[in-house]
Amino acid sequence: MKISGNKPPDSKDVYVKAPKGAKGDSVSQKGAADRVGVADRVEVSGKAAEIAELKGIISGMPDVRTDKVEAVAKSLANGTYRVDPGKIAGKMIDEIV
């Protein structure tokens, strides 16, 4: 492979059109004609139904847990909110690994 210059190739060099009447056209048309009477069918497993149900439950939950937010705000206001640096460092390491 030879690389010359730093500009991308022209689109005319990248895409090559197949001439009309190529073998691929007749094969794809014939295959489509053979499948005219066949209907597609989808079956949902029990696991997929369970996942759909859980998604519905989750979408009904609020984005913000106001009870947790209020508890943290109250402890910040009281000066009782404490940060555990070891716990924070542990979580950061867990995410890296």
PDB file of N, CA and C in Angstrom:
ATOM      1  N   MET A   1       0.847  -1.179   0.000  1.00  0.00           N
ATOM      2  CA  MET A   1       0.000   0.000   0.000  1.00  0.00           C
ATOM      3  C   MET A   1       0.881   1.226   0.000  1.00  0.00           C
ATOM      4  N   LYS A   2       0.607   2.132  -0.883  1.00  0.00           N
ATOM      5  CA  LYS A   2       1.384   3.342  -0.996  1.00  0.00           C
ATOM      6  C   LYS A   2       0.553   4.519  -0.509  1.00  0.00           C
ATOM      7  N   ILE A   3       1.141   5.297   0.377  1.00  0.00           N
ATOM      8  CA  ILE A   3       0.467   6.473   0.908  1.00  0.00           C
ATOM      9  C   ILE A   3       1.206   7.694   0.386  1.00  0.00           C
ATOM     10  N   SER A   4       0.495   8.553  -0.290  1.00  0.00           N
ATOM     11  CA  SER A   4       1.116   9.770  -0.797  1.00  0.00           C
ATOM     12  C   SER A   4       0.259  10.958  -0.401  1.00  0.00           C
ATOM     13  N   GLY A   5       0.864  11.886   0.295  1.00  0.00           N
ATOM     14  CA  GLY A   5       0.126  13.065   0.740  1.00  0.00           C
ATOM     15  C   GLY A   5      -0.693  12.774   1.983  1.00  0.00           C
ATOM     16  N   ASN A   6      -1.369  13.788   2.482  1.00  0.00           N
ATOM     17  CA  ASN A   6      -2.166  13.607   3.690  1.00  0.00           C
ATOM     18  C   ASN A   6      -3.627  13.962   3.478  1.00  0.00           C
ATOM     19  N   LYS A   7      -4.069  14.014   2.236  1.00  0.00           N
ATOM     20  CA  LYS A   7      -5.486  14.273   1.998  1.00  0.00           C
ATOM     21  C   LYS A   7      -6.196  12.964   1.683  1.00  0.00           C
ATOM     22  N   PRO A   8      -7.468  12.863   2.047  1.00  0.00           N
ATOM     23  CA  PRO A   8      -8.202  11.617   1.788  1.00  0.00           C
ATOM     24  C   PRO A   8      -8.420  11.427   0.287  1.00  0.00           C
ATOM     25  N   PRO A   9      -8.648  10.196  -0.139  1.00  0.00           N
ATOM     26  CA  PRO A   9      -8.879   9.949  -1.558  1.00  0.00           C
ATOM     27  C   PRO A   9     -10.199  10.561  -2.017  1.00  0.00           C
ATOM     28  N   ASP A  10     -10.277  10.871  -3.297  1.00  0.00           N
ATOM     29  CA  ASP A  10     -11.523  11.391  -3.856  1.00  0.00           C
ATOM     30  C   ASP A  10     -12.584  10.314  -3.818  1.00  0.00           C
ATOM     31  N   SER A  11     -13.836  10.739  -3.715  1.00  0.00           N
ATOM     32  CA  SER A  11     -14.926   9.767  -3.630  1.00  0.00           C
ATOM     33  C   SER A  11     -15.014   8.919  -4.882  1.00  0.00           C
ATOM     34  N   LYS A  12     -14.602   9.459  -6.025  1.00  0.00           N
ATOM     35  CA  LYS A  12     -14.663   8.667  -7.249  1.00  0.00           C
ATOM     36  C   LYS A  12     -13.674   7.511  -7.209  1.00  0.00           C
ATOM     37  N   ASP A  13     -12.609   7.639  -6.418  1.00  0.00           N
ATOM     38  CA  ASP A  13     -11.628   6.568  -6.298  1.00  0.00           C
ATOM     39  C   ASP A  13     -12.070   5.499  -5.309  1.00  0.00           C
ATOM     40  N   VAL A  14     -12.899   5.874  -4.345  1.00  0.00           N
ATOM     41  CA  VAL A  14     -13.298   4.954  -3.285  1.00  0.00           C
ATOM     42  C   VAL A  14     -14.461   4.064  -3.715  1.00  0.00           C
ATOM     43  N   TYR A  15     -15.465   4.639  -4.356  1.00  0.00           N
ATOM     44  CA  TYR A  15     -16.665   3.895  -4.706  1.00  0.00           C
ATOM     45  C   TYR A  15     -16.624   3.479  -6.172  1.00  0.00           C
ATOM     46  N   VAL A  16     -16.850   2.205  -6.395  1.00  0.00           N
ATOM     47  CA  VAL A  16     -16.892   1.684  -7.754  1.00  0.00           C
ATOM     48  C   VAL A  16     -18.285   1.151  -7.995  1.00  0.00           C
ATOM     49  N   LYS A  17     -18.959   1.678  -9.013  1.00  0.00           N
ATOM     50  CA  LYS A  17     -20.311   1.232  -9.309  1.00  0.00           C
ATOM     51  C   LYS A  17     -20.264  -0.004 -10.189  1.00  0.00           C
ATOM     52  N   ALA A  18     -21.123  -0.968  -9.890  1.00  0.00           N
ATOM     53  CA  ALA A  18     -21.225  -2.168 -10.713  1.00  0.00           C
ATOM     54  C   ALA A  18     -22.032  -1.842 -11.959  1.00  0.00           C
ATOM     55  N   PRO A  19     -21.645  -2.364 -13.094  1.00  0.00           N
ATOM     56  CA  PRO A  19     -22.415  -2.095 -14.311  1.00  0.00           C
ATOM     57  C   PRO A  19     -23.781  -2.752 -14.248  1.00  0.00           C
ATOM     58  N   LYS A  20     -24.755  -2.169 -14.956  1.00  0.00           N
ATOM     59  CA  LYS A  20     -26.094  -2.746 -14.975  1.00  0.00           C
ATOM     60  C   LYS A  20     -26.036  -4.108 -15.629  1.00  0.00           C
ATOM     61  N   GLY A  21     -26.862  -4.993 -15.132  1.00  0.00           N
ATOM     62  CA  GLY A  21     -26.897  -6.346 -15.673  1.00  0.00           C
ATOM     63  C   GLY A  21     -25.831  -7.241 -15.061  1.00  0.00           C
ATOM     64  N   ALA A  22     -25.217  -6.800 -13.958  1.00  0.00           N
ATOM     65  CA  ALA A  22     -24.220  -7.630 -13.299  1.00  0.00           C
ATOM     66  C   ALA A  22     -24.902  -8.837 -12.675  1.00  0.00           C
ATOM     67  N   LYS A  23     -24.132  -9.850 -12.395  1.00  0.00           N
ATOM     68  CA  LYS A  23     -24.695 -11.099 -11.853  1.00  0.00           C
ATOM     69  C   LYS A  23     -25.416 -10.874 -10.531  1.00  0.00           C
ATOM     70  N   GLY A  24     -24.905  -9.998  -9.691  1.00  0.00           N
ATOM     71  CA  GLY A  24     -25.510  -9.772  -8.379  1.00  0.00           C
ATOM     72  C   GLY A  24     -26.933  -9.276  -8.464  1.00  0.00           C
ATOM     73  N   ASP A  25     -27.252  -8.461  -9.482  1.00  0.00           N
ATOM     74  CA  ASP A  25     -28.607  -7.924  -9.612  1.00  0.00           C
ATOM     75  C   ASP A  25     -29.611  -9.032  -9.888  1.00  0.00           C
ATOM     76  N   SER A  26     -29.298  -9.928 -10.804  1.00  0.00           N
ATOM     77  CA  SER A  26     -30.254 -10.971 -11.158  1.00  0.00           C
ATOM     78  C   SER A  26     -30.446 -11.960 -10.020  1.00  0.00           C
ATOM     79  N   VAL A  27     -29.401 -12.219  -9.252  1.00  0.00           N
ATOM     80  CA  VAL A  27     -29.515 -13.154  -8.137  1.00  0.00           C
ATOM     81  C   VAL A  27     -30.394 -12.567  -7.045  1.00  0.00           C
ATOM     82  N   SER A  28     -30.199 -11.283  -6.703  1.00  0.00           N
ATOM     83  CA  SER A  28     -30.992 -10.696  -5.622  1.00  0.00           C
ATOM     84  C   SER A  28     -32.460 -10.564  -6.027  1.00  0.00           C
ATOM     85  N   GLN A  29     -32.746 -10.272  -7.273  1.00  0.00           N
ATOM     86  CA  GLN A  29     -34.130 -10.164  -7.715  1.00  0.00           C
ATOM     87  C   GLN A  29     -34.799 -11.528  -7.708  1.00  0.00           C
ATOM     88  N   LYS A  30     -34.081 -12.549  -8.120  1.00  0.00           N
ATOM     89  CA  LYS A  30     -34.651 -13.896  -8.135  1.00  0.00           C
ATOM     90  C   LYS A  30     -34.939 -14.371  -6.713  1.00  0.00           C
ATOM     91  N   GLY A  31     -34.015 -14.081  -5.779  1.00  0.00           N
ATOM     92  CA  GLY A  31     -34.211 -14.487  -4.388  1.00  0.00           C
ATOM     93  C   GLY A  31     -35.422 -13.818  -3.780  1.00  0.00           C
ATOM     94  N   ALA A  32     -35.659 -12.555  -4.112  1.00  0.00           N
ATOM     95  CA  ALA A  32     -36.814 -11.831  -3.586  1.00  0.00           C
ATOM     96  C   ALA A  32     -38.107 -12.404  -4.155  1.00  0.00           C
ATOM     97  N   ALA A  33     -38.075 -12.826  -5.401  1.00  0.00           N
ATOM     98  CA  ALA A  33     -39.277 -13.391  -6.022  1.00  0.00           C
ATOM     99  C   ALA A  33     -39.637 -14.736  -5.402  1.00  0.00           C
ATOM    100  N   ASP A  34     -38.658 -15.492  -4.982  1.00  0.00           N
ATOM    101  CA  ASP A  34     -38.915 -16.804  -4.368  1.00  0.00           C
ATOM    102  C   ASP A  34     -39.547 -16.672  -2.983  1.00  0.00           C
ATOM    103  N   ARG A  35     -39.349 -15.558  -2.302  1.00  0.00           N
ATOM    104  CA  ARG A  35     -39.818 -15.400  -0.924  1.00  0.00           C
ATOM    105  C   ARG A  35     -41.104 -14.613  -0.816  1.00  0.00           C
ATOM    106  N   VAL A  36     -41.816 -14.393  -1.849  1.00  0.00           N
ATOM    107  CA  VAL A  36     -43.013 -13.552  -1.829  1.00  0.00           C
ATOM    108  C   VAL A  36     -44.069 -14.083  -0.874  1.00  0.00           C
ATOM    109  N   GLY A  37     -44.317 -15.376  -0.831  1.00  0.00           N
ATOM    110  CA  GLY A  37     -45.385 -15.934  -0.019  1.00  0.00           C
ATOM    111  C   GLY A  37     -44.997 -16.207   1.421  1.00  0.00           C
ATOM    112  N   VAL A  38     -43.768 -15.988   1.833  1.00  0.00           N
ATOM    113  CA  VAL A  38     -43.301 -16.313   3.181  1.00  0.00           C
ATOM    114  C   VAL A  38     -43.488 -15.106   4.091  1.00  0.00           C
ATOM    115  N   ALA A  39     -44.072 -15.335   5.278  1.00  0.00           N
ATOM    116  CA  ALA A  39     -44.281 -14.260   6.253  1.00  0.00           C
ATOM    117  C   ALA A  39     -43.233 -14.369   7.356  1.00  0.00           C
ATOM    118  N   ASP A  40     -42.757 -13.232   7.832  1.00  0.00           N
ATOM    119  CA  ASP A  40     -41.810 -13.218   8.937  1.00  0.00           C
ATOM    120  C   ASP A  40     -42.554 -13.401  10.244  1.00  0.00           C
ATOM    121  N   ARG A  41     -41.846 -13.972  11.223  1.00  0.00           N
ATOM    122  CA  ARG A  41     -42.472 -14.235  12.515  1.00  0.00           C
ATOM    123  C   ARG A  41     -41.457 -13.972  13.615  1.00  0.00           C
ATOM    124  N   VAL A  42     -41.900 -13.402  14.716  1.00  0.00           N
ATOM    125  CA  VAL A  42     -41.040 -13.101  15.849  1.00  0.00           C
ATOM    126  C   VAL A  42     -41.632 -13.745  17.087  1.00  0.00           C
ATOM    127  N   GLU A  43     -40.785 -14.424  17.853  1.00  0.00           N
ATOM    128  CA  GLU A  43     -41.211 -15.008  19.124  1.00  0.00           C
ATOM    129  C   GLU A  43     -40.384 -14.378  20.233  1.00  0.00           C
ATOM    130  N   VAL A  44     -41.045 -13.926  21.291  1.00  0.00           N
ATOM    131  CA  VAL A  44     -40.369 -13.298  22.406  1.00  0.00           C
ATOM    132  C   VAL A  44     -40.235 -14.324  23.523  1.00  0.00           C
ATOM    133  N   SER A  45     -39.009 -14.491  24.004  1.00  0.00           N
ATOM    134  CA  SER A  45     -38.770 -15.457  25.070  1.00  0.00           C
ATOM    135  C   SER A  45     -39.295 -14.916  26.399  1.00  0.00           C
ATOM    136  N   GLY A  46     -39.356 -15.769  27.387  1.00  0.00           N
ATOM    137  CA  GLY A  46     -39.805 -15.359  28.713  1.00  0.00           C
ATOM    138  C   GLY A  46     -38.859 -14.345  29.321  1.00  0.00           C
ATOM    139  N   LYS A  47     -37.564 -14.498  29.039  1.00  0.00           N
ATOM    140  CA  LYS A  47     -36.562 -13.574  29.571  1.00  0.00           C
ATOM    141  C   LYS A  47     -36.752 -12.180  28.962  1.00  0.00           C
ATOM    142  N   ALA A  48     -37.052 -12.129  27.661  1.00  0.00           N
ATOM    143  CA  ALA A  48     -37.281 -10.839  27.004  1.00  0.00           C
ATOM    144  C   ALA A  48     -38.526 -10.155  27.565  1.00  0.00           C
ATOM    145  N   ALA A  49     -39.554 -10.913  27.853  1.00  0.00           N
ATOM    146  CA  ALA A  49     -40.765 -10.347  28.441  1.00  0.00           C
ATOM    147  C   ALA A  49     -40.473  -9.800  29.834  1.00  0.00           C
ATOM    148  N   GLU A  50     -39.643 -10.507  30.588  1.00  0.00           N
ATOM    149  CA  GLU A  50     -39.267 -10.065  31.931  1.00  0.00           C
ATOM    150  C   GLU A  50     -38.458  -8.765  31.857  1.00  0.00           C
ATOM    151  N   ILE A  51     -37.545  -8.692  30.883  1.00  0.00           N
ATOM    152  CA  ILE A  51     -36.746  -7.484  30.708  1.00  0.00           C
ATOM    153  C   ILE A  51     -37.639  -6.311  30.337  1.00  0.00           C
ATOM    154  N   ALA A  52     -38.602  -6.530  29.458  1.00  0.00           N
ATOM    155  CA  ALA A  52     -39.526  -5.467  29.066  1.00  0.00           C
ATOM    156  C   ALA A  52     -40.327  -4.974  30.268  1.00  0.00           C
ATOM    157  N   GLU A  53     -40.748  -5.891  31.126  1.00  0.00           N
ATOM    158  CA  GLU A  53     -41.493  -5.513  32.326  1.00  0.00           C
ATOM    159  C   GLU A  53     -40.627  -4.678  33.267  1.00  0.00           C
ATOM    160  N   LEU A  54     -39.372  -5.095  33.447  1.00  0.00           N
ATOM    161  CA  LEU A  54     -38.463  -4.355  34.319  1.00  0.00           C
ATOM    162  C   LEU A  54     -38.160  -2.964  33.761  1.00  0.00           C
ATOM    163  N   LYS A  55     -38.028  -2.867  32.443  1.00  0.00           N
ATOM    164  CA  LYS A  55     -37.813  -1.557  31.828  1.00  0.00           C
ATOM    165  C   LYS A  55     -38.993  -0.631  32.119  1.00  0.00           C
ATOM    166  N   GLY A  56     -40.201  -1.163  32.089  1.00  0.00           N
ATOM    167  CA  GLY A  56     -41.380  -0.371  32.397  1.00  0.00           C
ATOM    168  C   GLY A  56     -41.372   0.117  33.831  1.00  0.00           C
ATOM    169  N   ILE A  57     -40.958  -0.744  34.744  1.00  0.00           N
ATOM    170  CA  ILE A  57     -40.890  -0.359  36.160  1.00  0.00           C
ATOM    171  C   ILE A  57     -39.845   0.728  36.360  1.00  0.00           C
ATOM    172  N   ILE A  58     -38.682   0.551  35.730  1.00  0.00           N
ATOM    173  CA  ILE A  58     -37.594   1.524  35.877  1.00  0.00           C
ATOM    174  C   ILE A  58     -37.986   2.873  35.285  1.00  0.00           C
ATOM    175  N   SER A  59     -38.657   2.859  34.145  1.00  0.00           N
ATOM    176  CA  SER A  59     -39.047   4.130  33.531  1.00  0.00           C
ATOM    177  C   SER A  59     -40.064   4.881  34.380  1.00  0.00           C
ATOM    178  N   GLY A  60     -40.785   4.181  35.241  1.00  0.00           N
ATOM    179  CA  GLY A  60     -41.749   4.821  36.117  1.00  0.00           C
ATOM    180  C   GLY A  60     -41.128   5.415  37.367  1.00  0.00           C
ATOM    181  N   MET A  61     -39.859   5.092  37.624  1.00  0.00           N
ATOM    182  CA  MET A  61     -39.179   5.609  38.812  1.00  0.00           C
ATOM    183  C   MET A  61     -38.676   7.029  38.546  1.00  0.00           C
ATOM    184  N   PRO A  62     -38.603   7.849  39.577  1.00  0.00           N
ATOM    185  CA  PRO A  62     -38.118   9.222  39.387  1.00  0.00           C
ATOM    186  C   PRO A  62     -36.619   9.237  39.092  1.00  0.00           C
ATOM    187  N   ASP A  63     -36.171  10.264  38.338  1.00  0.00           N
ATOM    188  CA  ASP A  63     -34.751  10.394  38.015  1.00  0.00           C
ATOM    189  C   ASP A  63     -33.938  10.802  39.238  1.00  0.00           C
ATOM    190  N   VAL A  64     -34.535  11.593  40.109  1.00  0.00           N
ATOM    191  CA  VAL A  64     -33.847  12.081  41.298  1.00  0.00           C
ATOM    192  C   VAL A  64     -34.549  11.542  42.534  1.00  0.00           C
ATOM    193  N   ARG A  65     -33.766  10.943  43.426  1.00  0.00           N
ATOM    194  CA  ARG A  65     -34.333  10.454  44.689  1.00  0.00           C
ATOM    195  C   ARG A  65     -34.299  11.599  45.696  1.00  0.00           C
ATOM    196  N   THR A  66     -35.404  12.279  45.788  1.00  0.00           N
ATOM    197  CA  THR A  66     -35.463  13.483  46.616  1.00  0.00           C
ATOM    198  C   THR A  66     -35.177  13.198  48.086  1.00  0.00           C
ATOM    199  N   ASP A  67     -35.522  12.014  48.567  1.00  0.00           N
ATOM    200  CA  ASP A  67     -35.253  11.694  49.971  1.00  0.00           C
ATOM    201  C   ASP A  67     -33.752  11.674  50.246  1.00  0.00           C
ATOM    202  N   LYS A  68     -32.970  11.123  49.331  1.00  0.00           N
ATOM    203  CA  LYS A  68     -31.510  11.085  49.497  1.00  0.00           C
ATOM    204  C   LYS A  68     -30.922  12.493  49.387  1.00  0.00           C
ATOM    205  N   VAL A  69     -31.421  13.264  48.430  1.00  0.00           N
ATOM    206  CA  VAL A  69     -30.916  14.627  48.236  1.00  0.00           C
ATOM    207  C   VAL A  69     -31.199  15.477  49.471  1.00  0.00           C
ATOM    208  N   GLU A  70     -32.388  15.354  50.013  1.00  0.00           N
ATOM    209  CA  GLU A  70     -32.746  16.129  51.208  1.00  0.00           C
ATOM    210  C   GLU A  70     -31.898  15.723  52.409  1.00  0.00           C
ATOM    211  N   ALA A  71     -31.614  14.430  52.548  1.00  0.00           N
ATOM    212  CA  ALA A  71     -30.798  13.964  53.676  1.00  0.00           C
ATOM    213  C   ALA A  71     -29.376  14.516  53.582  1.00  0.00           C
ATOM    214  N   VAL A  72     -28.788  14.514  52.385  1.00  0.00           N
ATOM    215  CA  VAL A  72     -27.435  15.048  52.212  1.00  0.00           C
ATOM    216  C   VAL A  72     -27.432  16.558  52.431  1.00  0.00           C
ATOM    217  N   ALA A  73     -28.424  17.256  51.904  1.00  0.00           N
ATOM    218  CA  ALA A  73     -28.507  18.708  52.089  1.00  0.00           C
ATOM    219  C   ALA A  73     -28.622  19.066  53.563  1.00  0.00           C
ATOM    220  N   LYS A  74     -29.412  18.281  54.296  1.00  0.00           N
ATOM    221  CA  LYS A  74     -29.590  18.534  55.737  1.00  0.00           C
ATOM    222  C   LYS A  74     -28.278  18.319  56.489  1.00  0.00           C
ATOM    223  N   SER A  75     -27.565  17.228  56.163  1.00  0.00           N
ATOM    224  CA  SER A  75     -26.302  16.957  56.857  1.00  0.00           C
ATOM    225  C   SER A  75     -25.236  17.986  56.484  1.00  0.00           C
ATOM    226  N   LEU A  76     -25.268  18.506  55.249  1.00  0.00           N
ATOM    227  CA  LEU A  76     -24.342  19.574  54.873  1.00  0.00           C
ATOM    228  C   LEU A  76     -24.647  20.844  55.658  1.00  0.00           C
ATOM    229  N   ALA A  77     -25.928  21.156  55.787  1.00  0.00           N
ATOM    230  CA  ALA A  77     -26.331  22.358  56.522  1.00  0.00           C
ATOM    231  C   ALA A  77     -25.963  22.255  58.002  1.00  0.00           C
ATOM    232  N   ASN A  78     -26.073  21.054  58.565  1.00  0.00           N
ATOM    233  CA  ASN A  78     -25.759  20.845  59.984  1.00  0.00           C
ATOM    234  C   ASN A  78     -24.267  20.721  60.233  1.00  0.00           C
ATOM    235  N   GLY A  79     -23.501  20.481  59.171  1.00  0.00           N
ATOM    236  CA  GLY A  79     -22.060  20.279  59.335  1.00  0.00           C
ATOM    237  C   GLY A  79     -21.718  18.864  59.752  1.00  0.00           C
ATOM    238  N   THR A  80     -22.648  17.941  59.575  1.00  0.00           N
ATOM    239  CA  THR A  80     -22.411  16.557  59.980  1.00  0.00           C
ATOM    240  C   THR A  80     -22.058  15.647  58.801  1.00  0.00           C
ATOM    241  N   TYR A  81     -21.989  16.186  57.610  1.00  0.00           N
ATOM    242  CA  TYR A  81     -21.657  15.372  56.434  1.00  0.00           C
ATOM    243  C   TYR A  81     -20.169  15.074  56.442  1.00  0.00           C
ATOM    244  N   ARG A  82     -19.819  13.813  56.388  1.00  0.00           N
ATOM    245  CA  ARG A  82     -18.418  13.393  56.411  1.00  0.00           C
ATOM    246  C   ARG A  82     -18.086  12.615  55.149  1.00  0.00           C
ATOM    247  N   VAL A  83     -16.907  12.872  54.624  1.00  0.00           N
ATOM    248  CA  VAL A  83     -16.421  12.186  53.430  1.00  0.00           C
ATOM    249  C   VAL A  83     -15.358  11.191  53.863  1.00  0.00           C
ATOM    250  N   ASP A  84     -15.464   9.947  53.384  1.00  0.00           N
ATOM    251  CA  ASP A  84     -14.482   8.913  53.678  1.00  0.00           C
ATOM    252  C   ASP A  84     -13.535   8.800  52.485  1.00  0.00           C
ATOM    253  N   PRO A  85     -12.323   9.382  52.584  1.00  0.00           N
ATOM    254  CA  PRO A  85     -11.409   9.375  51.453  1.00  0.00           C
ATOM    255  C   PRO A  85     -11.005   7.959  51.023  1.00  0.00           C
ATOM    256  N   GLY A  86     -10.905   7.053  51.955  1.00  0.00           N
ATOM    257  CA  GLY A  86     -10.551   5.664  51.627  1.00  0.00           C
ATOM    258  C   GLY A  86     -11.621   4.993  50.775  1.00  0.00           C
ATOM    259  N   LYS A  87     -12.879   5.274  51.099  1.00  0.00           N
ATOM    260  CA  LYS A  87     -13.986   4.715  50.339  1.00  0.00           C
ATOM    261  C   LYS A  87     -14.017   5.280  48.917  1.00  0.00           C
ATOM    262  N   ILE A  88     -13.769   6.584  48.803  1.00  0.00           N
ATOM    263  CA  ILE A  88     -13.745   7.226  47.490  1.00  0.00           C
ATOM    264  C   ILE A  88     -12.603   6.659  46.647  1.00  0.00           C
ATOM    265  N   ALA A  89     -11.424   6.525  47.243  1.00  0.00           N
ATOM    266  CA  ALA A  89     -10.273   5.983  46.517  1.00  0.00           C
ATOM    267  C   ALA A  89     -10.537   4.547  46.079  1.00  0.00           C
ATOM    268  N   GLY A  90     -11.171   3.777  46.942  1.00  0.00           N
ATOM    269  CA  GLY A  90     -11.495   2.393  46.602  1.00  0.00           C
ATOM    270  C   GLY A  90     -12.438   2.300  45.410  1.00  0.00           C
ATOM    271  N   LYS A  91     -13.450   3.155  45.373  1.00  0.00           N
ATOM    272  CA  LYS A  91     -14.395   3.181  44.256  1.00  0.00           C
ATOM    273  C   LYS A  91     -13.694   3.596  42.960  1.00  0.00           C
ATOM    274  N   MET A  92     -12.766   4.568  43.065  1.00  0.00           N
ATOM    275  CA  MET A  92     -12.041   5.000  41.867  1.00  0.00           C
ATOM    276  C   MET A  92     -11.170   3.870  41.320  1.00  0.00           C
ATOM    277  N   ILE A  93     -10.540   3.142  42.191  1.00  0.00           N
ATOM    278  CA  ILE A  93      -9.693   2.017  41.767  1.00  0.00           C
ATOM    279  C   ILE A  93     -10.553   0.907  41.161  1.00  0.00           C
ATOM    280  N   ASP A  94     -11.707   0.655  41.758  1.00  0.00           N
ATOM    281  CA  ASP A  94     -12.618  -0.367  41.221  1.00  0.00           C
ATOM    282  C   ASP A  94     -13.052  -0.038  39.790  1.00  0.00           C
ATOM    283  N   GLU A  95     -13.281   1.249  39.514  1.00  0.00           N
ATOM    284  CA  GLU A  95     -13.701   1.647  38.174  1.00  0.00           C
ATOM    285  C   GLU A  95     -12.567   1.530  37.168  1.00  0.00           C
ATOM    286  N   ILE A  96     -11.347   1.755  37.613  1.00  0.00           N
ATOM    287  CA  ILE A  96     -10.188   1.649  36.721  1.00  0.00           C
ATOM    288  C   ILE A  96      -9.931   0.196  36.357  1.00  0.00           C
ATOM    289  N   VAL A  97     -10.034  -0.663  37.354  1.00  0.00           N
ATOM    290  CA  VAL A  97      -9.770  -2.100  37.138  1.00  0.00           C
ATOM    291  C   VAL A  97     -10.988  -2.711  36.572  1.00  0.00           C
TER     292      VAL A  97
END
